[in-house]
Amino acid sequence: MATYLITGIAGSGKSSVAQVLARRGYHSYNTDDMPDITRLEDHTGRPAEWPEGPVDWSKYAWNWQEAGLQKLLTGTGTAFVAAIVSNQARFYSLFEAIFVLVVDKGTLRHRLLSRTENDYGKIRTS
């Protein structure tokens, strides 16, 4: 099975690309929506509850869980995984190719401010 990672910053279009690929019949996954694969962890690697307000990323990480990711990638056919996680470099060897989505500043701002499925990226933390 060929596996591909689609990555990029919040608002770059990962979820949209994954949706288009799924509509075209590919196995395509947004791991943000898969709690067995991706979870918020504290600095010790333990699961954490999502904090109120902006996330202090010096205290938390959005990480893939190896067992869940391995299970997802085991099977037949071509699979695309759309994600940006803190520990993704650890898993690059599982992918045949990695596509990094890049978007200009104006488009990114518009996408983040107009998104309705979640508020991630709308609040400036720095």
PDB file of N, CA and C in Angstrom:
ATOM      1  N   MET A   1       0.842  -1.185   0.000  1.00  0.00           N
ATOM      2  CA  MET A   1       0.000   0.000   0.000  1.00  0.00           C
ATOM      3  C   MET A   1       0.881   1.240   0.000  1.00  0.00           C
ATOM      4  N   ALA A   2       0.565   2.198  -0.822  1.00  0.00           N
ATOM      5  CA  ALA A   2       1.279   3.470  -0.844  1.00  0.00           C
ATOM      6  C   ALA A   2       0.583   4.437   0.112  1.00  0.00           C
ATOM      7  N   THR A   3       1.359   5.075   0.973  1.00  0.00           N
ATOM      8  CA  THR A   3       0.798   6.037   1.924  1.00  0.00           C
ATOM      9  C   THR A   3       1.463   7.383   1.726  1.00  0.00           C
ATOM     10  N   TYR A   4       0.665   8.431   1.826  1.00  0.00           N
ATOM     11  CA  TYR A   4       1.130   9.786   1.594  1.00  0.00           C
ATOM     12  C   TYR A   4       0.662  10.685   2.728  1.00  0.00           C
ATOM     13  N   LEU A   5       1.526  11.588   3.165  1.00  0.00           N
ATOM     14  CA  LEU A   5       1.193  12.578   4.179  1.00  0.00           C
ATOM     15  C   LEU A   5       0.975  13.920   3.493  1.00  0.00           C
ATOM     16  N   ILE A   6      -0.145  14.552   3.839  1.00  0.00           N
ATOM     17  CA  ILE A   6      -0.440  15.917   3.397  1.00  0.00           C
ATOM     18  C   ILE A   6      -0.365  16.777   4.644  1.00  0.00           C
ATOM     19  N   THR A   7       0.583  17.704   4.685  1.00  0.00           N
ATOM     20  CA  THR A   7       0.792  18.495   5.887  1.00  0.00           C
ATOM     21  C   THR A   7       0.918  19.974   5.529  1.00  0.00           C
ATOM     22  N   GLY A   8       0.909  20.808   6.524  1.00  0.00           N
ATOM     23  CA  GLY A   8       1.010  22.253   6.360  1.00  0.00           C
ATOM     24  C   GLY A   8       0.410  22.910   7.595  1.00  0.00           C
ATOM     25  N   ILE A   9       0.607  24.196   7.729  1.00  0.00           N
ATOM     26  CA  ILE A   9       0.103  24.899   8.910  1.00  0.00           C
ATOM     27  C   ILE A   9      -1.425  24.931   8.908  1.00  0.00           C
ATOM     28  N   ALA A  10      -2.010  25.284  10.058  1.00  0.00           N
ATOM     29  CA  ALA A  10      -3.462  25.414  10.173  1.00  0.00           C
ATOM     30  C   ALA A  10      -3.971  26.368   9.104  1.00  0.00           C
ATOM     31  N   GLY A  11      -4.996  25.953   8.376  1.00  0.00           N
ATOM     32  CA  GLY A  11      -5.579  26.798   7.351  1.00  0.00           C
ATOM     33  C   GLY A  11      -4.964  26.648   5.977  1.00  0.00           C
ATOM     34  N   SER A  12      -3.988  25.772   5.832  1.00  0.00           N
ATOM     35  CA  SER A  12      -3.320  25.620   4.539  1.00  0.00           C
ATOM     36  C   SER A  12      -4.124  24.801   3.540  1.00  0.00           C
ATOM     37  N   GLY A  13      -5.146  24.078   3.999  1.00  0.00           N
ATOM     38  CA  GLY A  13      -6.007  23.332   3.090  1.00  0.00           C
ATOM     39  C   GLY A  13      -5.935  21.826   3.211  1.00  0.00           C
ATOM     40  N   LYS A  14      -5.314  21.318   4.256  1.00  0.00           N
ATOM     41  CA  LYS A  14      -5.164  19.868   4.426  1.00  0.00           C
ATOM     42  C   LYS A  14      -6.508  19.153   4.427  1.00  0.00           C
ATOM     43  N   SER A  15      -7.435  19.618   5.240  1.00  0.00           N
ATOM     44  CA  SER A  15      -8.741  18.971   5.342  1.00  0.00           C
ATOM     45  C   SER A  15      -9.502  19.042   4.022  1.00  0.00           C
ATOM     46  N   SER A  16      -9.421  20.158   3.352  1.00  0.00           N
ATOM     47  CA  SER A  16     -10.105  20.309   2.056  1.00  0.00           C
ATOM     48  C   SER A  16      -9.542  19.343   1.023  1.00  0.00           C
ATOM     49  N   VAL A  17      -8.221  19.205   0.967  1.00  0.00           N
ATOM     50  CA  VAL A  17      -7.605  18.264   0.034  1.00  0.00           C
ATOM     51  C   VAL A  17      -8.034  16.838   0.379  1.00  0.00           C
ATOM     52  N   ALA A  18      -8.064  16.509   1.658  1.00  0.00           N
ATOM     53  CA  ALA A  18      -8.479  15.169   2.081  1.00  0.00           C
ATOM     54  C   ALA A  18      -9.919  14.883   1.666  1.00  0.00           C
ATOM     55  N   GLN A  19     -10.789  15.871   1.785  1.00  0.00           N
ATOM     56  CA  GLN A  19     -12.191  15.701   1.389  1.00  0.00           C
ATOM     57  C   GLN A  19     -12.313  15.471  -0.117  1.00  0.00           C
ATOM     58  N   VAL A  20     -11.577  16.212  -0.897  1.00  0.00           N
ATOM     59  CA  VAL A  20     -11.603  16.037  -2.354  1.00  0.00           C
ATOM     60  C   VAL A  20     -11.100  14.648  -2.730  1.00  0.00           C
ATOM     61  N   LEU A  21     -10.012  14.213  -2.121  1.00  0.00           N
ATOM     62  CA  LEU A  21      -9.477  12.882  -2.408  1.00  0.00           C
ATOM     63  C   LEU A  21     -10.483  11.794  -2.041  1.00  0.00           C
ATOM     64  N   ALA A  22     -11.170  11.950  -0.917  1.00  0.00           N
ATOM     65  CA  ALA A  22     -12.183  10.971  -0.505  1.00  0.00           C
ATOM     66  C   ALA A  22     -13.332  10.929  -1.514  1.00  0.00           C
ATOM     67  N   ARG A  23     -13.764  12.099  -1.976  1.00  0.00           N
ATOM     68  CA  ARG A  23     -14.835  12.136  -2.976  1.00  0.00           C
ATOM     69  C   ARG A  23     -14.419  11.458  -4.277  1.00  0.00           C
ATOM     70  N   ARG A  24     -13.130  11.440  -4.540  1.00  0.00           N
ATOM     71  CA  ARG A  24     -12.618  10.788  -5.754  1.00  0.00           C
ATOM     72  C   ARG A  24     -12.337   9.305  -5.539  1.00  0.00           C
ATOM     73  N   GLY A  25     -12.680   8.805  -4.370  1.00  0.00           N
ATOM     74  CA  GLY A  25     -12.585   7.375  -4.124  1.00  0.00           C
ATOM     75  C   GLY A  25     -11.332   6.885  -3.420  1.00  0.00           C
ATOM     76  N   TYR A  26     -10.473   7.794  -3.008  1.00  0.00           N
ATOM     77  CA  TYR A  26      -9.253   7.386  -2.298  1.00  0.00           C
ATOM     78  C   TYR A  26      -9.539   7.216  -0.811  1.00  0.00           C
ATOM     79  N   HIS A  27      -8.726   6.390  -0.153  1.00  0.00           N
ATOM     80  CA  HIS A  27      -8.746   6.316   1.309  1.00  0.00           C
ATOM     81  C   HIS A  27      -8.026   7.571   1.791  1.00  0.00           C
ATOM     82  N   SER A  28      -8.755   8.454   2.433  1.00  0.00           N
ATOM     83  CA  SER A  28      -8.204   9.743   2.837  1.00  0.00           C
ATOM     84  C   SER A  28      -8.665  10.043   4.253  1.00  0.00           C
ATOM     85  N   TYR A  29      -7.725  10.442   5.106  1.00  0.00           N
ATOM     86  CA  TYR A  29      -8.027  10.602   6.526  1.00  0.00           C
ATOM     87  C   TYR A  29      -7.510  11.932   7.062  1.00  0.00           C
ATOM     88  N   ASN A  30      -8.341  12.595   7.850  1.00  0.00           N
ATOM     89  CA  ASN A  30      -7.931  13.764   8.621  1.00  0.00           C
ATOM     90  C   ASN A  30      -7.786  13.256  10.051  1.00  0.00           C
ATOM     91  N   THR A  31      -6.565  13.062  10.505  1.00  0.00           N
ATOM     92  CA  THR A  31      -6.361  12.431  11.811  1.00  0.00           C
ATOM     93  C   THR A  31      -6.736  13.325  12.988  1.00  0.00           C
ATOM     94  N   ASP A  32      -7.006  14.608  12.746  1.00  0.00           N
ATOM     95  CA  ASP A  32      -7.481  15.476  13.832  1.00  0.00           C
ATOM     96  C   ASP A  32      -8.789  14.948  14.406  1.00  0.00           C
ATOM     97  N   ASP A  33      -9.573  14.288  13.565  1.00  0.00           N
ATOM     98  CA  ASP A  33     -10.887  13.802  13.967  1.00  0.00           C
ATOM     99  C   ASP A  33     -10.870  12.336  14.403  1.00  0.00           C
ATOM    100  N   MET A  34      -9.698  11.803  14.694  1.00  0.00           N
ATOM    101  CA  MET A  34      -9.562  10.385  15.020  1.00  0.00           C
ATOM    102  C   MET A  34      -8.852  10.226  16.366  1.00  0.00           C
ATOM    103  N   PRO A  35      -9.611  10.195  17.486  1.00  0.00           N
ATOM    104  CA  PRO A  35      -8.996  10.188  18.821  1.00  0.00           C
ATOM    105  C   PRO A  35      -8.114   8.975  19.113  1.00  0.00           C
ATOM    106  N   ASP A  36      -8.281   7.871  18.394  1.00  0.00           N
ATOM    107  CA  ASP A  36      -7.390   6.723  18.600  1.00  0.00           C
ATOM    108  C   ASP A  36      -6.022   6.955  17.968  1.00  0.00           C
ATOM    109  N   ILE A  37      -5.937   7.987  17.124  1.00  0.00           N
ATOM    110  CA  ILE A  37      -4.689   8.262  16.415  1.00  0.00           C
ATOM    111  C   ILE A  37      -4.025   9.544  16.903  1.00  0.00           C
ATOM    112  N   THR A  38      -4.809  10.586  17.147  1.00  0.00           N
ATOM    113  CA  THR A  38      -4.234  11.881  17.526  1.00  0.00           C
ATOM    114  C   THR A  38      -4.867  12.359  18.825  1.00  0.00           C
ATOM    115  N   ARG A  39      -4.024  12.848  19.725  1.00  0.00           N
ATOM    116  CA  ARG A  39      -4.554  13.367  20.984  1.00  0.00           C
ATOM    117  C   ARG A  39      -3.679  14.495  21.511  1.00  0.00           C
ATOM    118  N   LEU A  40      -4.284  15.307  22.367  1.00  0.00           N
ATOM    119  CA  LEU A  40      -3.554  16.348  23.083  1.00  0.00           C
ATOM    120  C   LEU A  40      -2.859  15.692  24.265  1.00  0.00           C
ATOM    121  N   GLU A  41      -1.577  15.994  24.427  1.00  0.00           N
ATOM    122  CA  GLU A  41      -0.800  15.436  25.536  1.00  0.00           C
ATOM    123  C   GLU A  41      -0.105  16.550  26.297  1.00  0.00           C
ATOM    124  N   ASP A  42       0.148  16.285  27.583  1.00  0.00           N
ATOM    125  CA  ASP A  42       0.940  17.236  28.361  1.00  0.00           C
ATOM    126  C   ASP A  42       2.423  16.982  28.089  1.00  0.00           C
ATOM    127  N   HIS A  43       3.285  17.734  28.760  1.00  0.00           N
ATOM    128  CA  HIS A  43       4.731  17.642  28.498  1.00  0.00           C
ATOM    129  C   HIS A  43       5.334  16.294  28.880  1.00  0.00           C
ATOM    130  N   THR A  44       4.582  15.480  29.638  1.00  0.00           N
ATOM    131  CA  THR A  44       5.074  14.146  30.005  1.00  0.00           C
ATOM    132  C   THR A  44       4.587  13.063  29.048  1.00  0.00           C
ATOM    133  N   GLY A  45       3.746  13.442  28.081  1.00  0.00           N
ATOM    134  CA  GLY A  45       3.220  12.471  27.124  1.00  0.00           C
ATOM    135  C   GLY A  45       1.913  11.831  27.551  1.00  0.00           C
ATOM    136  N   ARG A  46       1.328  12.320  28.632  1.00  0.00           N
ATOM    137  CA  ARG A  46       0.039  11.792  29.084  1.00  0.00           C
ATOM    138  C   ARG A  46      -1.110  12.543  28.417  1.00  0.00           C
ATOM    139  N   PRO A  47      -2.233  11.858  28.169  1.00  0.00           N
ATOM    140  CA  PRO A  47      -3.397  12.537  27.585  1.00  0.00           C
ATOM    141  C   PRO A  47      -3.804  13.736  28.434  1.00  0.00           C
ATOM    142  N   ALA A  48      -4.225  14.802  27.772  1.00  0.00           N
ATOM    143  CA  ALA A  48      -4.634  16.020  28.475  1.00  0.00           C
ATOM    144  C   ALA A  48      -5.999  16.472  27.958  1.00  0.00           C
ATOM    145  N   GLU A  49      -6.753  17.103  28.830  1.00  0.00           N
ATOM    146  CA  GLU A  49      -8.016  17.717  28.426  1.00  0.00           C
ATOM    147  C   GLU A  49      -7.698  19.024  27.709  1.00  0.00           C
ATOM    148  N   TRP A  50      -8.519  19.376  26.726  1.00  0.00           N
ATOM    149  CA  TRP A  50      -8.300  20.617  25.998  1.00  0.00           C
ATOM    150  C   TRP A  50      -8.510  21.781  26.958  1.00  0.00           C
ATOM    151  N   PRO A  51      -7.522  22.677  27.094  1.00  0.00           N
ATOM    152  CA  PRO A  51      -7.645  23.782  28.049  1.00  0.00           C
ATOM    153  C   PRO A  51      -8.598  24.874  27.544  1.00  0.00           C
ATOM    154  N   GLU A  52      -9.074  25.669  28.467  1.00  0.00           N
ATOM    155  CA  GLU A  52      -9.893  26.834  28.109  1.00  0.00           C
ATOM    156  C   GLU A  52      -9.011  27.873  27.443  1.00  0.00           C
ATOM    157  N   GLY A  53      -9.541  28.566  26.468  1.00  0.00           N
ATOM    158  CA  GLY A  53      -8.797  29.638  25.810  1.00  0.00           C
ATOM    159  C   GLY A  53      -7.696  29.098  24.923  1.00  0.00           C
ATOM    160  N   PRO A  54      -6.773  29.969  24.552  1.00  0.00           N
ATOM    161  CA  PRO A  54      -5.676  29.555  23.668  1.00  0.00           C
ATOM    162  C   PRO A  54      -4.794  28.490  24.327  1.00  0.00           C
ATOM    163  N   VAL A  55      -4.314  27.563  23.527  1.00  0.00           N
ATOM    164  CA  VAL A  55      -3.448  26.498  24.032  1.00  0.00           C
ATOM    165  C   VAL A  55      -2.026  27.031  24.161  1.00  0.00           C
ATOM    166  N   ASP A  56      -1.410  26.828  25.298  1.00  0.00           N
ATOM    167  CA  ASP A  56      -0.003  27.165  25.506  1.00  0.00           C
ATOM    168  C   ASP A  56       0.811  25.966  25.020  1.00  0.00           C
ATOM    169  N   TRP A  57       1.309  26.062  23.774  1.00  0.00           N
ATOM    170  CA  TRP A  57       1.985  24.917  23.159  1.00  0.00           C
ATOM    171  C   TRP A  57       3.330  24.605  23.805  1.00  0.00           C
ATOM    172  N   SER A  58       3.788  25.429  24.737  1.00  0.00           N
ATOM    173  CA  SER A  58       4.992  25.058  25.481  1.00  0.00           C
ATOM    174  C   SER A  58       4.661  24.012  26.550  1.00  0.00           C
ATOM    175  N   LYS A  59       3.355  23.835  26.844  1.00  0.00           N
ATOM    176  CA  LYS A  59       2.920  22.871  27.852  1.00  0.00           C
ATOM    177  C   LYS A  59       2.238  21.644  27.249  1.00  0.00           C
ATOM    178  N   TYR A  60       1.861  21.717  25.963  1.00  0.00           N
ATOM    179  CA  TYR A  60       1.094  20.645  25.332  1.00  0.00           C
ATOM    180  C   TYR A  60       1.680  20.278  23.973  1.00  0.00           C
ATOM    181  N   ALA A  61       1.272  19.106  23.493  1.00  0.00           N
ATOM    182  CA  ALA A  61       1.638  18.657  22.148  1.00  0.00           C
ATOM    183  C   ALA A  61       0.437  17.936  21.547  1.00  0.00           C
ATOM    184  N   TRP A  62       0.254  18.092  20.252  1.00  0.00           N
ATOM    185  CA  TRP A  62      -0.794  17.404  19.492  1.00  0.00           C
ATOM    186  C   TRP A  62      -0.076  16.260  18.788  1.00  0.00           C
ATOM    187  N   ASN A  63      -0.217  15.046  19.326  1.00  0.00           N
ATOM    188  CA  ASN A  63       0.625  13.921  18.901  1.00  0.00           C
ATOM    189  C   ASN A  63      -0.155  12.756  18.313  1.00  0.00           C
ATOM    190  N   TRP A  64       0.490  12.112  17.336  1.00  0.00           N
ATOM    191  CA  TRP A  64      -0.004  10.833  16.842  1.00  0.00           C
ATOM    192  C   TRP A  64       0.333   9.757  17.857  1.00  0.00           C
ATOM    193  N   GLN A  65      -0.519   8.753  17.921  1.00  0.00           N
ATOM    194  CA  GLN A  65      -0.289   7.561  18.725  1.00  0.00           C
ATOM    195  C   GLN A  65       0.149   6.461  17.764  1.00  0.00           C
ATOM    196  N   GLU A  66       1.305   5.891  18.013  1.00  0.00           N
ATOM    197  CA  GLU A  66       1.907   4.957  17.060  1.00  0.00           C
ATOM    198  C   GLU A  66       1.001   3.783  16.705  1.00  0.00           C
ATOM    199  N   ALA A  67       0.402   3.138  17.693  1.00  0.00           N
ATOM    200  CA  ALA A  67      -0.436   1.965  17.419  1.00  0.00           C
ATOM    201  C   ALA A  67      -1.612   2.323  16.517  1.00  0.00           C
ATOM    202  N   GLY A  68      -2.258   3.436  16.801  1.00  0.00           N
ATOM    203  CA  GLY A  68      -3.398   3.862  15.990  1.00  0.00           C
ATOM    204  C   GLY A  68      -2.999   4.213  14.573  1.00  0.00           C
ATOM    205  N   LEU A  69      -1.874   4.906  14.426  1.00  0.00           N
ATOM    206  CA  LEU A  69      -1.409   5.286  13.092  1.00  0.00           C
ATOM    207  C   LEU A  69      -1.010   4.049  12.292  1.00  0.00           C
ATOM    208  N   GLN A  70      -0.308   3.126  12.922  1.00  0.00           N
ATOM    209  CA  GLN A  70       0.093   1.885  12.244  1.00  0.00           C
ATOM    210  C   GLN A  70      -1.142   1.120  11.766  1.00  0.00           C
ATOM    211  N   LYS A  71      -2.155   1.027  12.605  1.00  0.00           N
ATOM    212  CA  LYS A  71      -3.388   0.330  12.243  1.00  0.00           C
ATOM    213  C   LYS A  71      -4.065   1.003  11.057  1.00  0.00           C
ATOM    214  N   LEU A  72      -4.115   2.334  11.058  1.00  0.00           N
ATOM    215  CA  LEU A  72      -4.728   3.087   9.968  1.00  0.00           C
ATOM    216  C   LEU A  72      -4.018   2.816   8.640  1.00  0.00           C
ATOM    217  N   LEU A  73      -2.694   2.757   8.700  1.00  0.00           N
ATOM    218  CA  LEU A  73      -1.912   2.629   7.475  1.00  0.00           C
ATOM    219  C   LEU A  73      -1.778   1.183   6.986  1.00  0.00           C
ATOM    220  N   THR A  74      -2.278   0.246   7.771  1.00  0.00           N
ATOM    221  CA  THR A  74      -2.223  -1.155   7.371  1.00  0.00           C
ATOM    222  C   THR A  74      -3.474  -1.481   6.563  1.00  0.00           C
ATOM    223  N   GLY A  75      -3.286  -1.973   5.367  1.00  0.00           N
ATOM    224  CA  GLY A  75      -4.422  -2.317   4.529  1.00  0.00           C
ATOM    225  C   GLY A  75      -4.035  -2.300   3.068  1.00  0.00           C
ATOM    226  N   THR A  76      -5.031  -2.233   2.233  1.00  0.00           N
ATOM    227  CA  THR A  76      -4.778  -2.262   0.798  1.00  0.00           C
ATOM    228  C   THR A  76      -5.130  -0.922   0.168  1.00  0.00           C
ATOM    229  N   GLY A  77      -4.529  -0.673  -0.965  1.00  0.00           N
ATOM    230  CA  GLY A  77      -4.820   0.548  -1.697  1.00  0.00           C
ATOM    231  C   GLY A  77      -3.951   1.708  -1.256  1.00  0.00           C
ATOM    232  N   THR A  78      -4.194   2.813  -1.877  1.00  0.00           N
ATOM    233  CA  THR A  78      -3.458   4.044  -1.602  1.00  0.00           C
ATOM    234  C   THR A  78      -4.172   4.822  -0.501  1.00  0.00           C
ATOM    235  N   ALA A  79      -3.421   5.368   0.442  1.00  0.00           N
ATOM    236  CA  ALA A  79      -4.010   6.140   1.541  1.00  0.00           C
ATOM    237  C   ALA A  79      -3.318   7.486   1.672  1.00  0.00           C
ATOM    238  N   PHE A  80      -4.126   8.503   1.929  1.00  0.00           N
ATOM    239  CA  PHE A  80      -3.636   9.852   2.175  1.00  0.00           C
ATOM    240  C   PHE A  80      -4.001  10.240   3.605  1.00  0.00           C
ATOM    241  N   VAL A  81      -3.039  10.791   4.341  1.00  0.00           N
ATOM    242  CA  VAL A  81      -3.259  11.243   5.710  1.00  0.00           C
ATOM    243  C   VAL A  81      -3.006  12.748   5.744  1.00  0.00           C
ATOM    244  N   ALA A  82      -4.028  13.506   6.171  1.00  0.00           N
ATOM    245  CA  ALA A  82      -3.916  14.959   6.275  1.00  0.00           C
ATOM    246  C   ALA A  82      -3.722  15.320   7.741  1.00  0.00           C
ATOM    247  N   ALA A  83      -2.582  15.937   8.062  1.00  0.00           N
ATOM    248  CA  ALA A  83      -2.301  16.225   9.470  1.00  0.00           C
ATOM    249  C   ALA A  83      -1.139  17.190   9.641  1.00  0.00           C
ATOM    250  N   ILE A  84      -1.137  17.843  10.780  1.00  0.00           N
ATOM    251  CA  ILE A  84       0.036  18.539  11.303  1.00  0.00           C
ATOM    252  C   ILE A  84       0.055  18.208  12.793  1.00  0.00           C
ATOM    253  N   VAL A  85       1.034  17.425  13.201  1.00  0.00           N
ATOM    254  CA  VAL A  85       1.146  17.022  14.603  1.00  0.00           C
ATOM    255  C   VAL A  85       2.560  17.292  15.086  1.00  0.00           C
ATOM    256  N   SER A  86       2.692  17.378  16.400  1.00  0.00           N
ATOM    257  CA  SER A  86       3.979  17.729  16.993  1.00  0.00           C
ATOM    258  C   SER A  86       5.054  16.685  16.747  1.00  0.00           C
ATOM    259  N   ASN A  87       4.670  15.417  16.694  1.00  0.00           N
ATOM    260  CA  ASN A  87       5.652  14.341  16.576  1.00  0.00           C
ATOM    261  C   ASN A  87       5.678  13.684  15.191  1.00  0.00           C
ATOM    262  N   GLN A  88       5.208  14.379  14.164  1.00  0.00           N
ATOM    263  CA  GLN A  88       5.085  13.738  12.856  1.00  0.00           C
ATOM    264  C   GLN A  88       6.427  13.321  12.253  1.00  0.00           C
ATOM    265  N   ALA A  89       7.503  14.033  12.519  1.00  0.00           N
ATOM    266  CA  ALA A  89       8.807  13.671  11.949  1.00  0.00           C
ATOM    267  C   ALA A  89       9.207  12.252  12.338  1.00  0.00           C
ATOM    268  N   ARG A  90       8.776  11.822  13.497  1.00  0.00           N
ATOM    269  CA  ARG A  90       9.072  10.463  13.966  1.00  0.00           C
ATOM    270  C   ARG A  90       8.486   9.398  13.034  1.00  0.00           C
ATOM    271  N   PHE A  91       7.452   9.759  12.273  1.00  0.00           N
ATOM    272  CA  PHE A  91       6.729   8.803  11.445  1.00  0.00           C
ATOM    273  C   PHE A  91       6.922   9.006   9.944  1.00  0.00           C
ATOM    274  N   TYR A  92       7.800   9.895   9.557  1.00  0.00           N
ATOM    275  CA  TYR A  92       7.982  10.169   8.125  1.00  0.00           C
ATOM    276  C   TYR A  92       8.334   8.912   7.330  1.00  0.00           C
ATOM    277  N   SER A  93       9.033   7.976   7.934  1.00  0.00           N
ATOM    278  CA  SER A  93       9.432   6.763   7.211  1.00  0.00           C
ATOM    279  C   SER A  93       8.237   5.897   6.811  1.00  0.00           C
ATOM    280  N   LEU A  94       7.068   6.135   7.379  1.00  0.00           N
ATOM    281  CA  LEU A  94       5.876   5.362   7.035  1.00  0.00           C
ATOM    282  C   LEU A  94       5.226   5.838   5.738  1.00  0.00           C
ATOM    283  N   PHE A  95       5.683   6.977   5.223  1.00  0.00           N
ATOM    284  CA  PHE A  95       5.052   7.573   4.048  1.00  0.00           C
ATOM    285  C   PHE A  95       5.975   7.512   2.840  1.00  0.00           C
ATOM    286  N   GLU A  96       5.362   7.202   1.706  1.00  0.00           N
ATOM    287  CA  GLU A  96       6.115   7.154   0.456  1.00  0.00           C
ATOM    288  C   GLU A  96       6.516   8.561   0.009  1.00  0.00           C
ATOM    289  N   ALA A  97       5.628   9.517   0.251  1.00  0.00           N
ATOM    290  CA  ALA A  97       5.913  10.915  -0.083  1.00  0.00           C
ATOM    291  C   ALA A  97       5.175  11.815   0.899  1.00  0.00           C
ATOM    292  N   ILE A  98       5.699  13.029   1.062  1.00  0.00           N
ATOM    293  CA  ILE A  98       5.098  14.017   1.958  1.00  0.00           C
ATOM    294  C   ILE A  98       4.849  15.275   1.146  1.00  0.00           C
ATOM    295  N   PHE A  99       3.596  15.735   1.163  1.00  0.00           N
ATOM    296  CA  PHE A  99       3.218  16.957   0.456  1.00  0.00           C
ATOM    297  C   PHE A  99       2.994  18.055   1.490  1.00  0.00           C
ATOM    298  N   VAL A 100       3.709  19.154   1.366  1.00  0.00           N
ATOM    299  CA  VAL A 100       3.581  20.278   2.291  1.00  0.00           C
ATOM    300  C   VAL A 100       2.811  21.381   1.576  1.00  0.00           C
ATOM    301  N   LEU A 101       1.639  21.730   2.114  1.00  0.00           N
ATOM    302  CA  LEU A 101       0.814  22.772   1.529  1.00  0.00           C
ATOM    303  C   LEU A 101       1.275  24.130   2.044  1.00  0.00           C
ATOM    304  N   VAL A 102       1.455  25.055   1.127  1.00  0.00           N
ATOM    305  CA  VAL A 102       1.900  26.405   1.455  1.00  0.00           C
ATOM    306  C   VAL A 102       0.873  27.373   0.884  1.00  0.00           C
ATOM    307  N   VAL A 103       0.524  28.384   1.659  1.00  0.00           N
ATOM    308  CA  VAL A 103      -0.489  29.348   1.236  1.00  0.00           C
ATOM    309  C   VAL A 103       0.001  30.753   1.575  1.00  0.00           C
ATOM    310  N   ASP A 104      -0.402  31.726   0.754  1.00  0.00           N
ATOM    311  CA  ASP A 104       0.034  33.100   1.019  1.00  0.00           C
ATOM    312  C   ASP A 104      -0.692  33.656   2.255  1.00  0.00           C
ATOM    313  N   LYS A 105      -0.096  34.674   2.844  1.00  0.00           N
ATOM    314  CA  LYS A 105      -0.559  35.238   4.117  1.00  0.00           C
ATOM    315  C   LYS A 105      -2.017  35.721   4.060  1.00  0.00           C
ATOM    316  N   GLY A 106      -2.398  36.403   2.994  1.00  0.00           N
ATOM    317  CA  GLY A 106      -3.763  36.917   2.873  1.00  0.00           C
ATOM    318  C   GLY A 106      -4.798  35.810   2.789  1.00  0.00           C
ATOM    319  N   THR A 107      -4.512  34.790   2.001  1.00  0.00           N
ATOM    320  CA  THR A 107      -5.425  33.648   1.882  1.00  0.00           C
ATOM    321  C   THR A 107      -5.522  32.913   3.207  1.00  0.00           C
ATOM    322  N   LEU A 108      -4.394  32.728   3.860  1.00  0.00           N
ATOM    323  CA  LEU A 108      -4.380  32.042   5.145  1.00  0.00           C
ATOM    324  C   LEU A 108      -5.232  32.788   6.169  1.00  0.00           C
ATOM    325  N   ARG A 109      -5.049  34.083   6.254  1.00  0.00           N
ATOM    326  CA  ARG A 109      -5.829  34.893   7.205  1.00  0.00           C
ATOM    327  C   ARG A 109      -7.323  34.752   6.928  1.00  0.00           C
ATOM    328  N   HIS A 110      -7.700  34.850   5.664  1.00  0.00           N
ATOM    329  CA  HIS A 110      -9.115  34.711   5.295  1.00  0.00           C
ATOM    330  C   HIS A 110      -9.649  33.341   5.695  1.00  0.00           C
ATOM    331  N   ARG A 111      -8.910  32.283   5.392  1.00  0.00           N
ATOM    332  CA  ARG A 111      -9.353  30.926   5.719  1.00  0.00           C
ATOM    333  C   ARG A 111      -9.525  30.731   7.216  1.00  0.00           C
ATOM    334  N   LEU A 112      -8.560  31.187   7.992  1.00  0.00           N
ATOM    335  CA  LEU A 112      -8.642  31.005   9.440  1.00  0.00           C
ATOM    336  C   LEU A 112      -9.797  31.784  10.047  1.00  0.00           C
ATOM    337  N   LEU A 113      -9.971  33.028   9.611  1.00  0.00           N
ATOM    338  CA  LEU A 113     -11.021  33.855  10.196  1.00  0.00           C
ATOM    339  C   LEU A 113     -12.419  33.453   9.751  1.00  0.00           C
ATOM    340  N   SER A 114     -12.535  32.794   8.599  1.00  0.00           N
ATOM    341  CA  SER A 114     -13.864  32.422   8.113  1.00  0.00           C
ATOM    342  C   SER A 114     -14.213  30.957   8.373  1.00  0.00           C
ATOM    343  N   ARG A 115     -13.308  30.203   8.959  1.00  0.00           N
ATOM    344  CA  ARG A 115     -13.608  28.786   9.206  1.00  0.00           C
ATOM    345  C   ARG A 115     -14.728  28.662  10.228  1.00  0.00           C
ATOM    346  N   THR A 116     -15.553  27.648  10.032  1.00  0.00           N
ATOM    347  CA  THR A 116     -16.700  27.435  10.912  1.00  0.00           C
ATOM    348  C   THR A 116     -16.628  26.119  11.674  1.00  0.00           C
ATOM    349  N   GLU A 117     -15.808  25.172  11.212  1.00  0.00           N
ATOM    350  CA  GLU A 117     -15.765  23.861  11.860  1.00  0.00           C
ATOM    351  C   GLU A 117     -14.997  23.873  13.177  1.00  0.00           C
ATOM    352  N   ASN A 118     -14.089  24.833  13.361  1.00  0.00           N
ATOM    353  CA  ASN A 118     -13.384  24.979  14.634  1.00  0.00           C
ATOM    354  C   ASN A 118     -12.746  26.360  14.687  1.00  0.00           C
ATOM    355  N   ASP A 119     -12.313  26.743  15.880  1.00  0.00           N
ATOM    356  CA  ASP A 119     -11.730  28.073  16.076  1.00  0.00           C
ATOM    357  C   ASP A 119     -10.201  28.065  16.063  1.00  0.00           C
ATOM    358  N   TYR A 120      -9.596  26.894  15.820  1.00  0.00           N
ATOM    359  CA  TYR A 120      -8.139  26.810  15.876  1.00  0.00           C
ATOM    360  C   TYR A 120      -7.527  27.770  14.849  1.00  0.00           C
ATOM    361  N   GLY A 121      -6.613  28.579  15.315  1.00  0.00           N
ATOM    362  CA  GLY A 121      -5.927  29.532  14.441  1.00  0.00           C
ATOM    363  C   GLY A 121      -6.551  30.908  14.422  1.00  0.00           C
ATOM    364  N   LYS A 122      -7.750  31.053  14.986  1.00  0.00           N
ATOM    365  CA  LYS A 122      -8.424  32.360  14.988  1.00  0.00           C
ATOM    366  C   LYS A 122      -7.860  33.301  16.043  1.00  0.00           C
ATOM    367  N   ILE A 123      -7.340  32.726  17.130  1.00  0.00           N
ATOM    368  CA  ILE A 123      -6.822  33.534  18.239  1.00  0.00           C
ATOM    369  C   ILE A 123      -5.316  33.602  18.134  1.00  0.00           C
ATOM    370  N   ARG A 124      -4.793  34.795  18.077  1.00  0.00           N
ATOM    371  CA  ARG A 124      -3.348  34.964  18.003  1.00  0.00           C
ATOM    372  C   ARG A 124      -2.750  34.780  19.386  1.00  0.00           C
ATOM    373  N   THR A 125      -1.720  33.912  19.472  1.00  0.00           N
ATOM    374  CA  THR A 125      -1.134  33.608  20.788  1.00  0.00           C
ATOM    375  C   THR A 125       0.238  34.225  20.970  1.00  0.00           C
ATOM    376  N   SER A 126       0.778  34.870  19.965  1.00  0.00           N
ATOM    377  CA  SER A 126       2.101  35.475  20.152  1.00  0.00           C
ATOM    378  C   SER A 126       2.107  36.913  19.716  1.00  0.00           C
TER     379      SER A 126
END
